[in-house]
Amino acid sequence: MSTTNRIRGNRRDNYLSPLGRAWAALSDGFAASPARFAILIFTGLILITTLLLTLPIAKAGVGSSAPLADAFFTAVSAVCVTGLATVDMATYWSPFGNVVIILAMQIGGLGVLTMASILGLIVARRIGLRAKLIAASDTNAARVHARPVAESQAVRLGEIGGLLFTVAASAIVIELVITALIVPRLLIEGFDPWTALWQGFYLALSAFTNTGFVPFTPGMERFASDPWMLSVLSIAVFLGAIGFPVIFALARWLRTRARLTLHARVTLLTTLILIVVGAVAIAVLEWSNSATLGGQDGVTRPMTAIFTSIMSRSGGLSTVDIGEMNGSTLLVLDMLMFVGGGSASTAGGIKVTTLAVLFFAAVAEARGVDDMEAFERRIPNDVLRLSVSVVLWGATIVATSTVIILHITKAPLDFVLFDVISAFATCGLSTGLTSNDLPDSAKYVLALTMWAGRVGTVTLAAALAASQRRQLFRRPEERPIVG
């Protein structure tokens, strides 16, 4: 910064009140590094939610407050829209605590970068070019690299304002529509009107944000054979998991019949393939298990298999006891959870587009061609390198957390691995490992795993990359032996 700018900045600060200086600092921080600022805001929301949940008014009952470990775990799970819980979410929290959790889910569901961009609108009254680049990078991760990429791969820079509007509008509209579809079913079930209304909205919000919290007992098991409730919740989870850029592209296609972007096509196709493959695998592996699908009638079994496949992508709702499933089924669910949903969505995991890019690379290698292609479009090699980085970083987080929690709890490997992947992928399904019996140290490890999974590897990479360097030379080439 030049001397003149420093003097002007100091003069400006001298005329500002303490609140004005804090506001200016927020604006400067957002302009300097939107991605880092987004992570800071996201972490701050978790801490604020934790503080509110530790208040005695947040816990059901009189004269006690939630332990710090449970309050922190619940706050991270709500803001990260994960759905794992160490307490009974239907009975443990008071009305005040439930309001705090609902707000945390809503804010978390909008996403780290989206919330930072909206805050930037409030602070700076407009979205600057750098903020647009950061917001665009959440819809097209290749933008974090220095070289230009084709705008048709995702939402264009000029459409970021429209994307932000779509995020807010679609979230509100979809949640209200899902609530309207759920409330009559709860009334039929015997809920009083007020309880049906707020718990219906809670469940709709939980489904669309892919959180997986259930506000009533005994959970979703009471609707295991209800095609209406399962279908509505599945649609809500699907819409939340495909991502806001895909919703934006679909809305534009409905209005103008414009060509769907490559990102939208790949996300939709890969998501549908994984849902079908997952449902078939779950049905085959659990058909004779009397503790899960085997204990249901012939009509309910396929419905449960499809519902579980959709929820394993990040929804977190379940009509059967996951802990009673076969080890082979848990491994299938591990893989589905690790992949997760769409980029810039309420889902977690490495994202379906990452898996698709790796598949396109394998096909290109098998064909002996240099370029990865999909839907008559060429995919740059930068995207492949980023995809490999995301997978390796995600696997590292999962492996590290699994080793630590195995050492702390001495629990079976398949249960620990399942819950760790569920935490990383912000899914919310659990084998029963996450309960009050879980040591506090393991709760903190799982909470940090949820945080790392929700913030996302791309966001972390963008936040840590303070500057981009262009290397002016290349080393001599030499090929190692691979495979």
Protein backbone atom coordinates (compact mmCIF):
# COMPACT_ATOMS: atom_id res chain seq x y z
CA MET A 1 0.00 0.00 0.00
CA SER A 2 1.33 3.44 -0.88
CA THR A 3 2.02 6.12 1.73
CA THR A 4 -0.81 8.24 0.34
CA ASN A 5 -3.28 5.36 0.67
CA ARG A 6 -2.13 4.66 4.23
CA ILE A 7 -2.56 8.32 5.16
CA ARG A 8 -6.00 8.41 3.54
CA GLY A 9 -6.94 5.20 5.31
CA ASN A 10 -5.78 6.55 8.66
CA ARG A 11 -7.66 9.80 8.10
CA ARG A 12 -10.77 7.86 7.21
CA ASP A 13 -10.44 5.71 10.32
CA ASN A 14 -9.97 8.77 12.52
CA TYR A 15 -13.41 10.05 11.59
CA LEU A 16 -15.13 6.68 12.14
CA SER A 17 -16.74 5.46 15.34
CA PRO A 18 -15.55 2.15 16.82
CA LEU A 19 -18.52 0.42 15.15
CA GLY A 20 -17.68 2.15 11.88
CA ARG A 21 -14.05 1.02 12.11
CA ALA A 22 -15.19 -2.56 12.77
CA TRP A 23 -17.52 -2.36 9.74
CA ALA A 24 -14.68 -1.01 7.61
CA ALA A 25 -12.42 -3.81 8.81
CA LEU A 26 -15.07 -6.36 7.73
CA SER A 27 -15.24 -4.75 4.29
CA ASP A 28 -11.44 -4.69 3.95
CA GLY A 29 -11.17 -8.31 5.08
CA PHE A 30 -13.74 -9.46 2.57
CA ALA A 31 -12.00 -7.58 -0.25
CA ALA A 32 -8.55 -8.92 0.71
CA SER A 33 -9.48 -12.62 0.77
CA PRO A 34 -13.16 -13.60 0.33
CA ALA A 35 -12.43 -17.32 0.80
CA ARG A 36 -10.55 -16.87 4.06
CA PHE A 37 -13.18 -14.43 5.20
CA ALA A 38 -15.88 -17.00 4.41
CA ILE A 39 -14.14 -19.61 6.55
CA LEU A 40 -13.79 -17.07 9.36
CA ILE A 41 -17.50 -16.24 9.21
CA PHE A 42 -18.42 -19.92 9.02
CA THR A 43 -16.29 -20.76 12.06
CA GLY A 44 -17.68 -17.73 13.90
CA LEU A 45 -21.22 -18.99 13.31
CA ILE A 46 -20.29 -22.33 14.86
CA LEU A 47 -18.86 -20.64 17.94
CA ILE A 48 -21.90 -18.37 18.33
CA THR A 49 -24.24 -21.35 17.97
CA THR A 50 -22.20 -23.27 20.55
CA LEU A 51 -22.45 -20.38 22.99
CA LEU A 52 -26.22 -20.16 22.56
CA LEU A 53 -26.68 -23.92 23.00
CA THR A 54 -24.71 -23.89 26.27
CA LEU A 55 -27.23 -21.46 27.80
CA PRO A 56 -29.60 -23.08 30.32
CA ILE A 57 -32.57 -21.80 28.30
CA ALA A 58 -31.46 -23.91 25.32
CA LYS A 59 -31.81 -27.27 27.10
CA ALA A 60 -35.11 -28.90 27.98
CA GLY A 61 -35.65 -29.13 31.71
CA VAL A 62 -34.87 -26.75 34.53
CA GLY A 63 -31.60 -25.85 36.22
CA SER A 64 -29.13 -27.46 33.84
CA SER A 65 -27.28 -26.61 30.65
CA ALA A 66 -25.84 -28.72 27.87
CA PRO A 67 -22.22 -29.88 28.31
CA LEU A 68 -19.76 -27.99 26.13
CA ALA A 69 -18.84 -31.09 24.09
CA ASP A 70 -22.48 -31.83 23.20
CA ALA A 71 -23.27 -28.17 22.48
CA PHE A 72 -20.21 -27.82 20.26
CA PHE A 73 -20.90 -31.09 18.44
CA THR A 74 -24.53 -30.12 17.82
CA ALA A 75 -23.52 -26.63 16.66
CA VAL A 76 -21.00 -28.00 14.17
CA SER A 77 -23.47 -30.63 12.99
CA ALA A 78 -26.20 -28.00 12.46
CA VAL A 79 -24.07 -25.33 10.79
CA CYS A 80 -22.27 -27.97 8.70
CA VAL A 81 -25.71 -29.51 7.90
CA THR A 82 -24.40 -32.95 8.87
CA GLY A 83 -27.10 -34.43 11.09
CA LEU A 84 -24.96 -36.47 13.46
CA ALA A 85 -26.01 -36.04 17.08
CA THR A 86 -24.77 -37.08 20.49
CA VAL A 87 -28.14 -36.31 22.14
CA ASP A 88 -31.77 -37.04 21.32
CA MET A 89 -32.64 -34.11 19.04
CA ALA A 90 -36.37 -34.67 19.57
CA THR A 91 -36.35 -34.23 23.36
CA TYR A 92 -33.02 -32.76 24.50
CA TRP A 93 -33.41 -29.15 23.35
CA SER A 94 -35.94 -26.54 24.45
CA PRO A 95 -37.98 -24.39 22.03
CA PHE A 96 -35.19 -21.80 22.20
CA GLY A 97 -32.59 -24.45 21.44
CA ASN A 98 -34.62 -25.71 18.49
CA VAL A 99 -34.90 -22.17 17.07
CA VAL A 100 -31.11 -21.81 17.33
CA ILE A 101 -30.62 -25.15 15.54
CA ILE A 102 -33.12 -24.21 12.79
CA LEU A 103 -31.31 -20.92 12.15
CA ALA A 104 -27.95 -22.72 12.13
CA MET A 105 -29.21 -25.26 9.58
CA GLN A 106 -30.62 -22.52 7.36
CA ILE A 107 -27.42 -20.47 7.39
CA GLY A 108 -25.22 -23.53 6.96
CA GLY A 109 -27.36 -24.78 4.09
CA LEU A 110 -26.73 -21.65 2.08
CA GLY A 111 -23.05 -22.49 2.02
CA VAL A 112 -19.80 -20.88 3.04
CA LEU A 113 -19.06 -18.86 -0.07
CA THR A 114 -22.66 -17.87 -0.69
CA MET A 115 -22.99 -16.46 2.82
CA ALA A 116 -19.70 -14.62 2.42
CA SER A 117 -20.86 -13.10 -0.85
CA ILE A 118 -24.18 -12.04 0.66
CA LEU A 119 -22.29 -10.47 3.58
CA GLY A 120 -20.11 -8.75 1.03
CA LEU A 121 -23.24 -7.30 -0.56
CA ILE A 122 -24.24 -5.86 2.81
CA VAL A 123 -20.77 -4.55 3.64
CA ALA A 124 -19.68 -3.25 0.25
CA ARG A 125 -23.18 -2.63 -1.22
CA ARG A 126 -22.08 -4.50 -4.31
CA ILE A 127 -20.18 -7.62 -5.38
CA GLY A 128 -16.71 -6.75 -6.59
CA LEU A 129 -14.79 -8.65 -9.27
CA ARG A 130 -12.70 -10.62 -6.76
CA ALA A 131 -15.83 -11.63 -4.84
CA LYS A 132 -17.42 -12.73 -8.10
CA LEU A 133 -14.35 -14.82 -8.88
CA ILE A 134 -14.51 -16.50 -5.47
CA ALA A 135 -18.26 -17.12 -5.72
CA ALA A 136 -17.76 -18.48 -9.22
CA SER A 137 -15.03 -20.82 -7.96
CA ASP A 138 -17.63 -22.53 -5.81
CA THR A 139 -19.53 -23.41 -8.98
CA ASN A 140 -16.40 -24.09 -11.03
CA ALA A 141 -13.41 -25.13 -8.95
CA ALA A 142 -11.02 -24.71 -11.87
CA ARG A 143 -11.29 -20.95 -11.48
CA VAL A 144 -8.85 -21.02 -8.57
CA HIS A 145 -6.11 -21.68 -11.11
CA ALA A 146 -4.38 -18.90 -12.96
CA ARG A 147 -5.18 -20.04 -16.50
CA PRO A 148 -8.55 -19.12 -18.03
CA VAL A 149 -11.26 -21.75 -18.43
CA ALA A 150 -14.38 -21.91 -20.56
CA GLU A 151 -17.26 -20.02 -18.96
CA SER A 152 -19.75 -22.59 -20.27
CA GLN A 153 -18.49 -25.13 -17.72
CA ALA A 154 -20.49 -23.46 -14.97
CA VAL A 155 -22.27 -20.24 -14.12
CA ARG A 156 -20.72 -17.26 -15.88
CA LEU A 157 -19.19 -14.38 -13.92
CA GLY A 158 -21.95 -12.03 -15.02
CA GLU A 159 -24.54 -14.45 -13.64
CA ILE A 160 -23.22 -14.64 -10.08
CA GLY A 161 -25.78 -12.10 -8.91
CA GLY A 162 -28.50 -14.26 -10.43
CA LEU A 163 -27.00 -17.33 -8.79
CA LEU A 164 -27.09 -15.69 -5.36
CA PHE A 165 -30.72 -14.72 -5.88
CA THR A 166 -31.48 -18.28 -7.00
CA VAL A 167 -29.80 -19.65 -3.86
CA ALA A 168 -31.91 -17.56 -1.51
CA ALA A 169 -35.16 -17.78 -3.48
CA SER A 170 -34.95 -21.51 -4.23
CA ALA A 171 -34.11 -22.33 -0.61
CA ILE A 172 -37.11 -20.43 0.75
CA VAL A 173 -39.57 -21.59 -1.91
CA ILE A 174 -38.54 -25.25 -1.81
CA GLU A 175 -38.60 -25.39 1.99
CA LEU A 176 -42.07 -23.81 2.13
CA VAL A 177 -43.42 -26.16 -0.55
CA ILE A 178 -41.98 -29.21 1.20
CA THR A 179 -43.43 -27.97 4.50
CA ALA A 180 -46.87 -27.63 2.88
CA LEU A 181 -46.61 -31.23 1.68
CA ILE A 182 -45.45 -32.61 5.03
CA VAL A 183 -47.78 -30.81 7.45
CA PRO A 184 -51.04 -32.53 6.32
CA ARG A 185 -49.36 -35.92 6.75
CA LEU A 186 -48.28 -35.00 10.28
CA LEU A 187 -51.84 -33.87 11.07
CA ILE A 188 -53.14 -37.25 9.89
CA GLU A 189 -50.51 -38.91 12.10
CA GLY A 190 -52.06 -37.19 15.13
CA PHE A 191 -49.86 -34.11 15.62
CA ASP A 192 -51.65 -30.97 16.82
CA PRO A 193 -51.67 -28.08 14.28
CA TRP A 194 -48.90 -25.98 15.87
CA THR A 195 -46.60 -28.97 16.40
CA ALA A 196 -47.27 -30.21 12.87
CA LEU A 197 -46.44 -26.77 11.45
CA TRP A 198 -43.12 -26.15 13.18
CA GLN A 199 -41.95 -29.74 13.06
CA GLY A 200 -42.99 -29.95 9.41
CA PHE A 201 -40.86 -26.92 8.60
CA TYR A 202 -38.02 -28.33 10.72
CA LEU A 203 -38.13 -31.62 8.79
CA ALA A 204 -38.43 -29.85 5.41
CA LEU A 205 -35.43 -27.64 6.25
CA SER A 206 -33.50 -30.67 7.51
CA ALA A 207 -34.21 -32.58 4.29
CA PHE A 208 -33.49 -29.78 1.80
CA THR A 209 -30.27 -28.77 3.55
CA ASN A 210 -29.33 -32.47 3.71
CA THR A 211 -28.93 -32.27 7.49
CA GLY A 212 -30.90 -35.27 8.70
CA PHE A 213 -32.18 -34.08 12.08
CA VAL A 214 -35.62 -35.41 13.02
CA PRO A 215 -37.65 -33.37 15.55
CA PHE A 216 -39.95 -36.18 16.75
CA THR A 217 -39.71 -39.67 18.23
CA PRO A 218 -39.14 -42.45 17.30
CA GLY A 219 -37.66 -40.83 14.21
CA MET A 220 -38.38 -41.73 10.59
CA GLU A 221 -39.14 -45.35 11.48
CA ARG A 222 -42.80 -44.40 11.97
CA PHE A 223 -42.99 -43.50 8.26
CA ALA A 224 -41.03 -46.50 6.95
CA SER A 225 -43.98 -47.72 4.87
CA ASP A 226 -45.37 -44.30 3.93
CA PRO A 227 -44.69 -43.64 0.21
CA TRP A 228 -45.93 -40.03 0.41
CA MET A 229 -43.59 -38.93 3.20
CA LEU A 230 -40.59 -40.82 1.83
CA SER A 231 -41.14 -39.46 -1.69
CA VAL A 232 -41.47 -35.84 -0.53
CA LEU A 233 -38.34 -36.06 1.63
CA SER A 234 -36.40 -37.81 -1.15
CA ILE A 235 -37.24 -35.01 -3.60
CA ALA A 236 -36.19 -32.40 -1.04
CA VAL A 237 -32.86 -34.14 -0.42
CA PHE A 238 -32.29 -34.60 -4.16
CA LEU A 239 -32.84 -30.90 -4.87
CA GLY A 240 -30.52 -29.91 -2.05
CA ALA A 241 -27.85 -32.38 -3.16
CA ILE A 242 -27.62 -31.47 -6.86
CA GLY A 243 -26.41 -27.98 -6.01
CA PHE A 244 -27.55 -24.43 -6.60
CA PRO A 245 -25.69 -24.05 -9.93
CA VAL A 246 -27.69 -26.99 -11.30
CA ILE A 247 -30.95 -25.53 -9.98
CA PHE A 248 -29.95 -22.24 -11.62
CA ALA A 249 -29.22 -24.01 -14.93
CA LEU A 250 -32.50 -25.96 -14.79
CA ALA A 251 -34.47 -22.78 -14.06
CA ARG A 252 -32.80 -21.07 -17.03
CA TRP A 253 -33.55 -24.11 -19.22
CA LEU A 254 -37.22 -24.01 -18.25
CA ARG A 255 -37.43 -20.30 -19.10
CA THR A 256 -35.43 -20.16 -22.32
CA ARG A 257 -34.72 -23.78 -23.26
CA ALA A 258 -31.03 -22.82 -23.18
CA ARG A 259 -28.55 -25.67 -23.40
CA LEU A 260 -27.77 -27.23 -20.01
CA THR A 261 -24.20 -26.64 -18.90
CA LEU A 262 -21.72 -29.50 -18.80
CA HIS A 263 -21.64 -29.24 -15.01
CA ALA A 264 -25.43 -29.64 -14.79
CA ARG A 265 -25.49 -32.62 -17.16
CA VAL A 266 -22.65 -34.43 -15.43
CA THR A 267 -24.12 -33.78 -11.98
CA LEU A 268 -27.60 -35.02 -12.89
CA LEU A 269 -26.42 -38.10 -14.79
CA THR A 270 -23.87 -39.20 -12.17
CA THR A 271 -26.33 -38.60 -9.33
CA LEU A 272 -29.04 -40.72 -10.96
CA ILE A 273 -26.57 -43.53 -11.74
CA LEU A 274 -25.33 -43.64 -8.14
CA ILE A 275 -28.88 -43.64 -6.76
CA VAL A 276 -29.88 -46.62 -8.93
CA VAL A 277 -26.66 -48.58 -8.33
CA GLY A 278 -26.84 -47.88 -4.59
CA ALA A 279 -30.49 -48.94 -4.34
CA VAL A 280 -29.85 -52.22 -6.17
CA ALA A 281 -26.81 -53.01 -4.00
CA ILE A 282 -28.67 -52.24 -0.75
CA ALA A 283 -31.67 -54.34 -1.80
CA VAL A 284 -29.51 -57.33 -2.75
CA LEU A 285 -27.32 -57.21 0.35
CA GLU A 286 -30.09 -56.51 2.90
CA TRP A 287 -33.05 -58.41 1.41
CA SER A 288 -32.73 -61.33 3.84
CA ASN A 289 -31.55 -59.32 6.87
CA SER A 290 -34.48 -59.56 9.30
CA ALA A 291 -33.20 -56.56 11.28
CA THR A 292 -33.49 -54.24 8.27
CA LEU A 293 -35.17 -54.90 4.89
CA GLY A 294 -35.87 -58.54 5.68
CA GLY A 295 -38.32 -57.53 8.41
CA GLN A 296 -40.43 -55.44 6.00
CA ASP A 297 -43.11 -56.50 3.55
CA GLY A 298 -42.42 -56.99 -0.15
CA VAL A 299 -43.68 -53.53 -1.16
CA THR A 300 -41.75 -51.61 1.50
CA ARG A 301 -38.36 -53.26 0.85
CA PRO A 302 -37.64 -51.66 -2.56
CA MET A 303 -38.90 -48.31 -1.24
CA THR A 304 -36.52 -48.53 1.73
CA ALA A 305 -33.60 -49.46 -0.53
CA ILE A 306 -34.20 -46.46 -2.80
CA PHE A 307 -34.74 -44.12 0.16
CA THR A 308 -31.55 -45.30 1.87
CA SER A 309 -29.56 -44.90 -1.35
CA ILE A 310 -30.74 -41.30 -1.75
CA MET A 311 -30.11 -40.49 1.92
CA SER A 312 -26.61 -41.99 1.85
CA ARG A 313 -25.59 -39.31 -0.65
CA SER A 314 -25.89 -36.73 2.19
CA GLY A 315 -29.52 -36.72 3.37
CA GLY A 316 -28.92 -38.54 6.64
CA LEU A 317 -32.51 -39.69 7.23
CA SER A 318 -33.12 -43.40 7.78
CA THR A 319 -36.11 -45.69 8.30
CA VAL A 320 -33.98 -48.66 9.45
CA ASP A 321 -31.27 -49.17 12.06
CA ILE A 322 -27.98 -48.60 10.21
CA GLY A 323 -26.08 -50.40 12.98
CA GLU A 324 -27.93 -53.63 12.14
CA MET A 325 -26.86 -53.64 8.49
CA ASN A 326 -24.37 -56.15 7.13
CA GLY A 327 -20.74 -55.13 6.87
CA SER A 328 -20.91 -55.39 3.09
CA THR A 329 -23.80 -52.91 3.01
CA LEU A 330 -21.96 -50.51 5.29
CA LEU A 331 -19.04 -50.56 2.85
CA VAL A 332 -21.35 -49.71 -0.05
CA LEU A 333 -22.81 -46.84 1.96
CA ASP A 334 -19.26 -45.72 2.82
CA MET A 335 -18.51 -45.31 -0.87
CA LEU A 336 -21.78 -43.50 -1.61
CA MET A 337 -21.27 -41.11 1.31
CA PHE A 338 -17.66 -40.39 0.37
CA VAL A 339 -18.75 -39.32 -3.10
CA GLY A 340 -21.56 -37.15 -1.73
CA GLY A 341 -23.63 -34.74 -3.83
CA GLY A 342 -23.14 -31.93 -6.30
CA SER A 343 -20.69 -29.05 -6.10
CA ALA A 344 -21.93 -25.86 -4.41
CA SER A 345 -24.75 -27.86 -2.85
CA THR A 346 -25.88 -28.55 0.69
CA ALA A 347 -24.32 -32.01 0.35
CA GLY A 348 -20.79 -32.96 1.31
CA GLY A 349 -18.27 -35.53 0.11
CA ILE A 350 -15.78 -35.21 -2.72
CA LYS A 351 -18.75 -34.41 -5.05
CA VAL A 352 -20.18 -36.37 -7.98
CA THR A 353 -18.41 -34.22 -10.57
CA THR A 354 -15.06 -35.18 -9.04
CA LEU A 355 -15.89 -38.87 -9.48
CA ALA A 356 -17.12 -38.23 -13.03
CA VAL A 357 -13.93 -36.42 -14.02
CA LEU A 358 -11.82 -39.34 -12.75
CA PHE A 359 -14.01 -41.69 -14.82
CA PHE A 360 -13.62 -39.49 -17.92
CA ALA A 361 -9.84 -39.53 -17.40
CA ALA A 362 -9.83 -43.34 -17.16
CA VAL A 363 -11.89 -43.61 -20.36
CA ALA A 364 -9.55 -41.21 -22.18
CA GLU A 365 -6.53 -43.21 -21.02
CA ALA A 366 -8.14 -46.49 -22.13
CA ARG A 367 -8.87 -44.99 -25.56
CA GLY A 368 -5.35 -43.64 -25.83
CA VAL A 369 -6.43 -40.02 -26.38
CA ASP A 370 -5.03 -36.90 -24.73
CA ASP A 371 -8.28 -35.04 -24.05
CA MET A 372 -11.04 -35.88 -21.58
CA GLU A 373 -14.43 -35.42 -23.25
CA ALA A 374 -18.04 -35.45 -22.10
CA PHE A 375 -21.22 -34.39 -23.89
CA GLU A 376 -19.18 -33.11 -26.86
CA ARG A 377 -17.08 -30.88 -24.62
CA ARG A 378 -13.38 -31.07 -23.74
CA ILE A 379 -12.44 -31.00 -20.03
CA PRO A 380 -9.12 -29.23 -19.21
CA ASN A 381 -6.37 -31.19 -17.44
CA ASP A 382 -6.44 -28.64 -14.60
CA VAL A 383 -9.80 -30.09 -13.57
CA LEU A 384 -8.31 -33.59 -13.36
CA ARG A 385 -5.46 -32.41 -11.13
CA LEU A 386 -7.92 -30.65 -8.87
CA SER A 387 -10.12 -33.76 -8.72
CA VAL A 388 -7.16 -35.95 -7.71
CA SER A 389 -6.22 -33.41 -5.03
CA VAL A 390 -9.75 -33.37 -3.63
CA VAL A 391 -9.89 -37.18 -3.43
CA LEU A 392 -6.47 -37.47 -1.78
CA TRP A 393 -7.19 -34.70 0.70
CA GLY A 394 -10.58 -36.21 1.57
CA ALA A 395 -9.06 -39.67 2.01
CA THR A 396 -6.37 -38.19 4.26
CA ILE A 397 -8.95 -36.52 6.50
CA VAL A 398 -11.01 -39.71 6.75
CA ALA A 399 -7.97 -41.92 7.44
CA THR A 400 -6.57 -39.60 10.11
CA SER A 401 -9.88 -39.23 11.93
CA THR A 402 -10.54 -42.97 11.75
CA VAL A 403 -7.19 -43.84 13.30
CA ILE A 404 -7.64 -41.31 16.13
CA ILE A 405 -11.21 -42.38 16.98
CA LEU A 406 -10.31 -46.07 16.76
CA HIS A 407 -7.57 -45.45 19.30
CA ILE A 408 -9.91 -43.49 21.59
CA THR A 409 -12.99 -45.72 21.47
CA LYS A 410 -11.67 -49.21 20.60
CA ALA A 411 -14.91 -49.61 18.62
CA PRO A 412 -15.21 -51.91 15.56
CA LEU A 413 -13.50 -50.59 12.44
CA ASP A 414 -16.58 -50.77 10.20
CA PHE A 415 -18.62 -48.68 12.66
CA VAL A 416 -15.89 -46.08 13.19
CA LEU A 417 -15.10 -45.79 9.48
CA PHE A 418 -18.80 -45.42 8.66
CA ASP A 419 -19.39 -42.59 11.16
CA VAL A 420 -16.16 -40.81 10.20
CA ILE A 421 -17.07 -40.84 6.50
CA SER A 422 -20.58 -39.72 7.44
CA ALA A 423 -19.04 -36.80 9.33
CA PHE A 424 -16.62 -35.87 6.53
CA ALA A 425 -19.35 -36.13 3.90
CA THR A 426 -21.79 -34.24 6.18
CA CYS A 427 -24.24 -37.09 5.68
CA GLY A 428 -25.61 -37.77 9.17
CA LEU A 429 -26.22 -41.52 9.01
CA SER A 430 -24.77 -43.34 12.02
CA THR A 431 -24.24 -46.86 13.24
CA GLY A 432 -24.91 -45.65 16.79
CA LEU A 433 -21.31 -44.67 17.54
CA THR A 434 -22.27 -41.03 18.12
CA SER A 435 -24.08 -41.02 21.42
CA ASN A 436 -23.58 -39.75 24.95
CA ASP A 437 -21.32 -42.74 25.53
CA LEU A 438 -18.81 -41.38 23.02
CA PRO A 439 -15.82 -39.81 24.84
CA ASP A 440 -15.62 -36.03 24.62
CA SER A 441 -12.28 -36.22 22.83
CA ALA A 442 -13.85 -38.34 20.07
CA LYS A 443 -16.75 -35.87 19.81
CA TYR A 444 -14.29 -33.04 19.16
CA VAL A 445 -12.45 -35.09 16.52
CA LEU A 446 -15.70 -35.88 14.71
CA ALA A 447 -16.75 -32.23 14.96
CA LEU A 448 -13.51 -31.10 13.33
CA THR A 449 -14.02 -33.74 10.64
CA MET A 450 -17.48 -32.30 9.93
CA TRP A 451 -15.99 -28.80 9.73
CA ALA A 452 -13.30 -29.89 7.27
CA GLY A 453 -15.84 -31.74 5.14
CA ARG A 454 -18.30 -28.86 4.99
CA VAL A 455 -15.79 -26.07 4.37
CA GLY A 456 -14.52 -28.12 1.47
CA THR A 457 -11.11 -28.79 0.08
CA VAL A 458 -11.50 -26.27 -2.73
CA THR A 459 -12.41 -23.49 -0.29
CA LEU A 460 -9.47 -24.39 1.94
CA ALA A 461 -7.15 -24.38 -1.05
CA ALA A 462 -8.42 -21.00 -2.20
CA ALA A 463 -8.10 -19.60 1.32
CA LEU A 464 -4.53 -20.81 1.75
CA ALA A 465 -3.46 -19.58 -1.66
CA ALA A 466 -2.74 -15.96 -0.84
CA SER A 467 -1.30 -15.37 -4.28
CA GLN A 468 -0.87 -17.18 -7.57
CA ARG A 469 2.63 -17.60 -8.93
CA ARG A 470 3.40 -18.18 -12.59
CA GLN A 471 6.53 -20.29 -12.99
CA LEU A 472 8.77 -18.95 -15.78
CA PHE A 473 10.72 -22.17 -16.36
CA ARG A 474 10.10 -25.91 -16.69
CA ARG A 475 12.21 -28.77 -15.32
CA PRO A 476 13.52 -31.59 -17.53
CA GLU A 477 10.91 -34.32 -17.99
CA GLU A 478 11.35 -37.82 -16.58
CA ARG A 479 8.64 -40.46 -16.15
CA PRO A 480 8.36 -42.59 -12.98
CA ILE A 481 7.00 -46.13 -13.16
CA VAL A 482 3.28 -46.13 -12.34
CA GLY A 483 1.09 -49.18 -11.70
